[in-house]
Amino acid sequence: VLDVVGVVYQYLKVLRQAGPQKWVFDELQAIGKMEFRFAEEQPQDDYATELA
């Protein structure tokens, strides 16, 4: 178990050193745009309830 924890912390250190990757942001942005563009219509009262 301690070996696994050690490997996880090593990986987190690598991620911190590398910093955020632009391609990850770009892909998440593209997915969000597609979800918005192809969202199914829903009754207005359901939508209002979700926003509340």
C-alpha atoms as a PDB file:
ATOM      1  CA  VAL A   1       0.000   0.000   0.000  1.00  0.00           C
ATOM      2  CA  LEU A   2       2.824   2.404   0.829  1.00  0.00           C
ATOM      3  CA  ASP A   3       4.394   1.707  -2.573  1.00  0.00           C
ATOM      4  CA  VAL A   4       1.180   2.774  -4.294  1.00  0.00           C
ATOM      5  CA  VAL A   5       0.964   5.946  -2.229  1.00  0.00           C
ATOM      6  CA  GLY A   6       4.586   6.736  -3.059  1.00  0.00           C
ATOM      7  CA  VAL A   7       4.003   6.294  -6.782  1.00  0.00           C
ATOM      8  CA  VAL A   8       0.898   8.502  -6.632  1.00  0.00           C
ATOM      9  CA  TYR A   9       2.845  11.278  -4.915  1.00  0.00           C
ATOM     10  CA  GLN A  10       5.669  10.968  -7.451  1.00  0.00           C
ATOM     11  CA  TYR A  11       3.148  11.322 -10.272  1.00  0.00           C
ATOM     12  CA  LEU A  12       1.553  14.352  -8.611  1.00  0.00           C
ATOM     13  CA  LYS A  13       5.000  15.944  -8.359  1.00  0.00           C
ATOM     14  CA  VAL A  14       5.542  15.377 -12.095  1.00  0.00           C
ATOM     15  CA  LEU A  15       2.152  16.943 -12.854  1.00  0.00           C
ATOM     16  CA  ARG A  16       2.981  19.994 -10.729  1.00  0.00           C
ATOM     17  CA  GLN A  17       6.307  20.453 -12.494  1.00  0.00           C
ATOM     18  CA  ALA A  18       4.802  20.060 -15.975  1.00  0.00           C
ATOM     19  CA  GLY A  19       1.981  22.519 -15.289  1.00  0.00           C
ATOM     20  CA  PRO A  20      -1.372  22.594 -17.030  1.00  0.00           C
ATOM     21  CA  GLN A  21      -1.363  21.371 -20.611  1.00  0.00           C
ATOM     22  CA  LYS A  22      -3.080  23.559 -23.225  1.00  0.00           C
ATOM     23  CA  TRP A  23      -4.391  20.580 -25.180  1.00  0.00           C
ATOM     24  CA  VAL A  24      -6.404  19.416 -22.149  1.00  0.00           C
ATOM     25  CA  PHE A  25      -8.080  22.818 -21.875  1.00  0.00           C
ATOM     26  CA  ASP A  26      -8.746  22.886 -25.631  1.00  0.00           C
ATOM     27  CA  GLU A  27     -10.364  19.434 -25.584  1.00  0.00           C
ATOM     28  CA  LEU A  28     -12.566  20.258 -22.589  1.00  0.00           C
ATOM     29  CA  GLN A  29     -13.602  23.497 -24.266  1.00  0.00           C
ATOM     30  CA  ALA A  30     -14.495  21.665 -27.499  1.00  0.00           C
ATOM     31  CA  ILE A  31     -16.514  19.065 -25.587  1.00  0.00           C
ATOM     32  CA  GLY A  32     -18.433  21.804 -23.772  1.00  0.00           C
ATOM     33  CA  LYS A  33     -19.246  23.542 -27.044  1.00  0.00           C
ATOM     34  CA  MET A  34     -20.477  20.289 -28.602  1.00  0.00           C
ATOM     35  CA  GLU A  35     -22.622  19.480 -25.565  1.00  0.00           C
ATOM     36  CA  PHE A  36     -24.198  22.921 -25.779  1.00  0.00           C
ATOM     37  CA  ARG A  37     -24.701  22.765 -29.544  1.00  0.00           C
ATOM     38  CA  PHE A  38     -26.291  19.316 -29.556  1.00  0.00           C
ATOM     39  CA  ALA A  39     -28.191  19.534 -26.270  1.00  0.00           C
ATOM     40  CA  GLU A  40     -31.692  18.116 -26.359  1.00  0.00           C
ATOM     41  CA  GLU A  41     -34.503  20.539 -25.803  1.00  0.00           C
ATOM     42  CA  GLN A  42     -36.361  20.165 -22.544  1.00  0.00           C
ATOM     43  CA  PRO A  43     -39.501  21.705 -21.116  1.00  0.00           C
ATOM     44  CA  GLN A  44     -38.927  25.239 -19.867  1.00  0.00           C
ATOM     45  CA  ASP A  45     -40.148  24.504 -16.351  1.00  0.00           C
ATOM     46  CA  ASP A  46     -37.646  21.634 -16.022  1.00  0.00           C
ATOM     47  CA  TYR A  47     -34.876  23.945 -17.204  1.00  0.00           C
ATOM     48  CA  ALA A  48     -35.874  26.610 -14.684  1.00  0.00           C
ATOM     49  CA  THR A  49     -35.846  23.987 -11.919  1.00  0.00           C
ATOM     50  CA  GLU A  50     -32.332  22.890 -12.887  1.00  0.00           C
ATOM     51  CA  LEU A  51     -31.081  26.474 -12.783  1.00  0.00           C
ATOM     52  CA  ALA A  52     -32.615  27.167  -9.361  1.00  0.00           C
END
